[in-house]
N, C-alpha and C. Protein backbone atom coordinates (compact mmCIF):
# COMPACT_ATOMS: atom_id res chain seq x y z
N MET A 1 5.34 -8.25 -12.96
CA MET A 1 6.11 -7.04 -12.78
C MET A 1 5.75 -6.43 -11.42
N PRO A 2 6.76 -6.15 -10.60
CA PRO A 2 6.48 -5.55 -9.29
C PRO A 2 6.02 -4.09 -9.44
N ILE A 3 5.31 -3.64 -8.44
CA ILE A 3 4.85 -2.26 -8.44
C ILE A 3 6.02 -1.34 -8.08
N ASP A 4 6.10 -0.23 -8.75
CA ASP A 4 7.17 0.74 -8.50
C ASP A 4 7.04 1.25 -7.06
N PRO A 5 8.14 1.26 -6.31
CA PRO A 5 8.08 1.72 -4.91
C PRO A 5 7.54 3.15 -4.76
N GLN A 6 7.76 3.99 -5.75
CA GLN A 6 7.22 5.36 -5.68
C GLN A 6 5.70 5.37 -5.80
N ILE A 7 5.16 4.46 -6.59
CA ILE A 7 3.71 4.36 -6.72
C ILE A 7 3.12 3.87 -5.39
N GLU A 8 3.74 2.85 -4.83
CA GLU A 8 3.27 2.33 -3.54
C GLU A 8 3.34 3.42 -2.48
N SER A 9 4.42 4.16 -2.44
CA SER A 9 4.57 5.25 -1.48
C SER A 9 3.51 6.33 -1.70
N ALA A 10 3.23 6.65 -2.94
CA ALA A 10 2.22 7.66 -3.25
C ALA A 10 0.84 7.23 -2.79
N ILE A 11 0.53 5.95 -2.99
CA ILE A 11 -0.77 5.44 -2.53
C ILE A 11 -0.86 5.55 -1.02
N ARG A 12 0.18 5.10 -0.33
CA ARG A 12 0.18 5.15 1.15
C ARG A 12 0.08 6.59 1.65
N THR A 13 0.80 7.50 1.02
CA THR A 13 0.75 8.91 1.42
C THR A 13 -0.63 9.49 1.18
N SER A 14 -1.22 9.19 0.04
CA SER A 14 -2.56 9.70 -0.28
C SER A 14 -3.60 9.18 0.69
N VAL A 15 -3.51 7.92 1.02
CA VAL A 15 -4.46 7.33 1.97
C VAL A 15 -4.30 7.99 3.34
N GLU A 16 -3.06 8.18 3.76
CA GLU A 16 -2.80 8.81 5.06
C GLU A 16 -3.31 10.26 5.08
N ARG A 17 -3.01 11.01 4.05
CA ARG A 17 -3.44 12.42 3.98
C ARG A 17 -4.95 12.55 3.90
N SER A 18 -5.59 11.52 3.36
CA SER A 18 -7.06 11.52 3.27
C SER A 18 -7.71 11.00 4.54
N LYS A 19 -6.88 10.71 5.53
CA LYS A 19 -7.35 10.22 6.83
C LYS A 19 -8.15 8.92 6.71
N GLN A 20 -7.66 8.05 5.83
CA GLN A 20 -8.25 6.73 5.66
C GLN A 20 -7.42 5.72 6.45
N ILE A 21 -7.98 4.55 6.69
CA ILE A 21 -7.24 3.53 7.42
C ILE A 21 -6.20 2.88 6.52
N ASP A 22 -5.11 2.43 7.15
CA ASP A 22 -3.98 1.86 6.40
C ASP A 22 -4.38 0.68 5.52
N SER A 23 -5.37 -0.08 5.95
CA SER A 23 -5.75 -1.26 5.17
C SER A 23 -6.31 -0.88 3.80
N LEU A 24 -6.79 0.35 3.64
CA LEU A 24 -7.25 0.78 2.31
C LEU A 24 -6.07 0.81 1.34
N ALA A 25 -4.94 1.36 1.79
CA ALA A 25 -3.74 1.37 0.94
C ALA A 25 -3.30 -0.06 0.64
N ASP A 26 -3.35 -0.92 1.64
CA ASP A 26 -2.97 -2.32 1.44
C ASP A 26 -3.81 -2.97 0.36
N LYS A 27 -5.12 -2.72 0.38
CA LYS A 27 -6.02 -3.32 -0.60
C LYS A 27 -5.77 -2.76 -2.01
N LEU A 28 -5.58 -1.46 -2.10
CA LEU A 28 -5.28 -0.86 -3.40
C LEU A 28 -3.98 -1.41 -3.98
N ILE A 29 -2.96 -1.49 -3.15
CA ILE A 29 -1.66 -1.99 -3.60
C ILE A 29 -1.75 -3.46 -3.99
N ALA A 30 -2.46 -4.24 -3.21
CA ALA A 30 -2.61 -5.66 -3.52
C ALA A 30 -3.31 -5.86 -4.86
N TRP A 31 -4.33 -5.05 -5.12
CA TRP A 31 -5.06 -5.15 -6.39
C TRP A 31 -4.13 -4.81 -7.56
N ILE A 32 -3.38 -3.74 -7.42
CA ILE A 32 -2.44 -3.35 -8.49
C ILE A 32 -1.40 -4.45 -8.71
N LYS A 33 -0.88 -5.00 -7.63
CA LYS A 33 0.10 -6.08 -7.76
C LYS A 33 -0.50 -7.30 -8.45
N ALA A 34 -1.74 -7.62 -8.13
CA ALA A 34 -2.41 -8.76 -8.76
C ALA A 34 -2.59 -8.54 -10.26
N ILE A 35 -2.94 -7.33 -10.63
CA ILE A 35 -3.08 -7.01 -12.06
C ILE A 35 -1.72 -7.09 -12.75
N ASN A 36 -0.70 -6.50 -12.12
CA ASN A 36 0.64 -6.51 -12.72
C ASN A 36 1.20 -7.92 -12.88
N SER A 37 0.88 -8.80 -11.95
CA SER A 37 1.41 -10.17 -12.00
C SER A 37 0.61 -11.07 -12.94
N GLY A 38 -0.54 -10.58 -13.40
CA GLY A 38 -1.38 -11.39 -14.27
C GLY A 38 -2.37 -12.26 -13.52
N ASN A 39 -2.42 -12.14 -12.20
CA ASN A 39 -3.38 -12.92 -11.41
C ASN A 39 -4.79 -12.36 -11.46
N GLU A 40 -4.91 -11.11 -11.89
CA GLU A 40 -6.21 -10.47 -12.07
C GLU A 40 -6.26 -9.87 -13.47
N ASP A 41 -7.43 -9.93 -14.08
CA ASP A 41 -7.64 -9.33 -15.40
C ASP A 41 -8.32 -7.99 -15.21
N ILE A 42 -7.65 -6.93 -15.59
CA ILE A 42 -8.19 -5.57 -15.41
C ILE A 42 -9.50 -5.39 -16.18
N ASN A 43 -9.74 -6.22 -17.18
CA ASN A 43 -10.96 -6.12 -17.99
C ASN A 43 -12.09 -7.02 -17.51
N ASP A 44 -11.90 -7.70 -16.38
CA ASP A 44 -12.93 -8.59 -15.84
C ASP A 44 -13.84 -7.78 -14.92
N PRO A 45 -15.07 -7.50 -15.37
CA PRO A 45 -15.95 -6.66 -14.57
C PRO A 45 -16.34 -7.28 -13.23
N ASP A 46 -16.44 -8.61 -13.16
CA ASP A 46 -16.79 -9.26 -11.90
C ASP A 46 -15.67 -9.11 -10.87
N ALA A 47 -14.44 -9.30 -11.31
CA ALA A 47 -13.29 -9.13 -10.41
C ALA A 47 -13.17 -7.68 -9.97
N ALA A 48 -13.34 -6.76 -10.91
CA ALA A 48 -13.27 -5.34 -10.57
C ALA A 48 -14.35 -4.99 -9.56
N SER A 49 -15.53 -5.51 -9.75
CA SER A 49 -16.63 -5.24 -8.83
C SER A 49 -16.31 -5.73 -7.42
N ARG A 50 -15.73 -6.92 -7.32
CA ARG A 50 -15.35 -7.46 -6.00
C ARG A 50 -14.32 -6.58 -5.33
N HIS A 51 -13.31 -6.19 -6.07
CA HIS A 51 -12.26 -5.34 -5.50
C HIS A 51 -12.79 -3.97 -5.11
N LEU A 52 -13.61 -3.40 -5.95
CA LEU A 52 -14.17 -2.09 -5.65
C LEU A 52 -15.06 -2.13 -4.41
N GLU A 53 -15.81 -3.20 -4.25
CA GLU A 53 -16.64 -3.34 -3.05
C GLU A 53 -15.77 -3.36 -1.80
N LEU A 54 -14.65 -4.07 -1.83
CA LEU A 54 -13.73 -4.09 -0.69
C LEU A 54 -13.16 -2.70 -0.42
N ILE A 55 -12.83 -2.00 -1.46
CA ILE A 55 -12.28 -0.65 -1.32
C ILE A 55 -13.33 0.31 -0.78
N TYR A 56 -14.56 0.22 -1.30
CA TYR A 56 -15.63 1.08 -0.80
C TYR A 56 -15.89 0.84 0.68
N GLU A 57 -15.82 -0.42 1.10
CA GLU A 57 -16.05 -0.75 2.51
C GLU A 57 -14.99 -0.13 3.42
N GLU A 58 -13.79 0.06 2.91
CA GLU A 58 -12.69 0.61 3.70
C GLU A 58 -12.66 2.14 3.68
N THR A 59 -13.38 2.76 2.76
CA THR A 59 -13.31 4.20 2.58
C THR A 59 -14.34 4.91 3.45
N THR A 60 -13.88 5.97 4.13
CA THR A 60 -14.80 6.79 4.92
C THR A 60 -14.83 8.19 4.32
N ILE A 61 -15.97 8.84 4.48
CA ILE A 61 -16.14 10.18 3.97
C ILE A 61 -16.54 11.08 5.12
N ASP A 62 -15.84 12.19 5.26
CA ASP A 62 -16.13 13.17 6.28
C ASP A 62 -16.87 14.32 5.61
N ASP A 63 -18.17 14.39 5.80
CA ASP A 63 -18.98 15.42 5.16
C ASP A 63 -18.69 16.81 5.68
N LYS A 64 -18.00 16.96 6.80
CA LYS A 64 -17.70 18.27 7.37
C LYS A 64 -16.85 19.11 6.42
N ASP A 65 -16.01 18.46 5.62
CA ASP A 65 -15.14 19.17 4.67
C ASP A 65 -15.95 19.88 3.58
N ASP A 66 -17.16 19.39 3.33
CA ASP A 66 -17.99 19.95 2.27
C ASP A 66 -18.75 21.20 2.72
N GLU A 67 -18.75 21.48 3.99
CA GLU A 67 -19.53 22.62 4.50
C GLU A 67 -18.82 23.93 4.31
């Protein structure tokens, strides 16, 4: 099942508004598409760990917002 275009747009908008790099949205969308197509098992902790590590590597945090 393909991902709903509104979901994909929401992910891209959220990533942009959070001042993250575009490849973070690409990775999130690819993971969702893989789960939807059955190529990834959402209940597989090893697969989830691999994907989360890739996502964490792409995510930046600006501590200035917390001040």
